[in-house]
Protein backbone atom coordinates (compact mmCIF):
# COMPACT_ATOMS: atom_id res chain seq x y z
CA MET A 1 10.88 -0.70 -8.59
CA THR A 2 8.40 1.91 -9.75
CA THR A 3 4.70 1.63 -9.06
CA LYS A 4 4.06 1.36 -12.81
CA LYS A 5 6.32 -1.70 -12.93
CA ILE A 6 4.55 -3.23 -9.95
CA ILE A 7 1.17 -2.74 -11.61
CA LYS A 8 2.50 -4.13 -14.88
CA GLN A 9 3.82 -7.26 -13.14
CA ILE A 10 0.52 -7.83 -11.35
CA ALA A 11 -1.43 -7.38 -14.58
CA LYS A 12 0.79 -9.85 -16.41
CA ARG A 13 0.58 -12.40 -13.59
CA GLU A 14 -3.21 -12.10 -13.32
CA GLY A 15 -3.86 -11.94 -17.05
CA VAL A 16 -5.65 -8.59 -16.93
CA THR A 17 -4.92 -5.07 -18.11
CA GLU A 18 -2.92 -2.58 -16.09
CA LYS A 19 -6.00 -0.35 -16.04
CA GLN A 20 -8.00 -3.18 -14.42
CA VAL A 21 -5.31 -3.68 -11.77
CA GLU A 22 -5.38 0.03 -10.92
CA LYS A 23 -9.21 0.02 -10.82
CA ASP A 24 -9.26 -3.01 -8.51
CA MET A 25 -6.59 -1.54 -6.26
CA GLN A 26 -8.44 1.78 -5.99
CA GLU A 27 -11.59 -0.10 -5.05
CA ALA A 28 -9.65 -2.04 -2.39
CA ILE A 29 -8.22 1.21 -1.01
CA ARG A 30 -11.72 2.69 -0.80
CA PHE A 31 -13.00 -0.41 1.02
CA ALA A 32 -10.04 -0.50 3.43
CA MET A 33 -10.37 3.18 4.28
CA ALA A 34 -13.90 2.49 5.54
CA SER A 35 -12.56 0.11 8.21
CA LEU A 36 -13.51 0.98 11.77
CA ASN A 37 -10.41 -0.74 13.14
CA PRO A 38 -8.40 1.87 15.11
CA ASP A 39 -5.06 0.56 13.79
CA ALA A 40 -6.33 0.76 10.23
CA GLN A 41 -7.62 4.28 10.79
CA LYS A 42 -4.23 5.33 12.18
CA PHE A 43 -2.52 3.86 9.11
CA TRP A 44 -4.84 5.71 6.71
CA GLN A 45 -4.41 8.95 8.67
CA GLN A 46 -0.66 8.70 8.11
CA ILE A 47 -1.09 8.14 4.37
CA SER A 48 -3.80 10.74 3.86
CA PRO A 49 -4.05 13.21 6.76
CA ASP A 50 -6.92 15.08 5.12
CA GLY A 51 -8.95 11.87 4.78
CA SER A 52 -9.02 11.94 0.99
CA GLU A 53 -8.66 8.69 -0.92
CA PRO A 54 -5.01 8.30 -1.97
CA SER A 55 -4.08 7.30 -5.48
CA VAL A 56 -2.76 3.81 -6.12
CA ASP A 57 0.69 5.38 -6.65
CA ILE A 58 0.67 7.11 -3.26
CA PHE A 59 -0.69 3.98 -1.55
CA LEU A 60 1.97 1.70 -3.06
CA LYS A 61 4.75 4.11 -2.09
CA ALA A 62 3.41 4.41 1.46
CA ILE A 63 2.95 0.68 1.95
CA SER A 64 6.42 0.00 0.50
CA ALA A 65 7.94 2.47 2.95
CA GLU A 66 6.06 0.84 5.84
CA VAL A 67 7.26 -2.64 4.85
CA LEU A 68 10.84 -1.38 4.56
CA LYS A 69 10.60 0.31 7.96
CA ARG A 70 9.25 -2.82 9.65
CA THR A 71 11.85 -5.01 7.96
CA GLN A 72 14.65 -2.75 9.14
CA GLU A 73 13.22 -2.70 12.69
CA LYS A 74 13.25 -6.52 12.77
CA VAL A 75 16.86 -6.60 11.58
CA VAL A 76 17.94 -4.16 14.30
CA VAL A 77 16.13 -6.14 17.00
CA LYS A 78 17.65 -9.40 15.73
CA TYR A 79 21.17 -8.02 15.99
CA LYS A 80 20.61 -6.45 19.41
CA LYS A 81 19.82 -9.84 20.99
């Protein structure tokens, strides 16, 4: 699923425009990047090594990849037991 489709689905579900969803997500990214939590900082460093604020598109792709990676790791561990 493309990031545009994800944003469109969220907008439809929440009853707002796609532009509003993107604006809210960008604001959430900005807030999250300010976290002092070391794990959070490590995560943001992986997404944006230069420390710049990533676009919603880049963030959604990165978080999707991370979820997929963690899901696959759980499956491998489950079958190794």
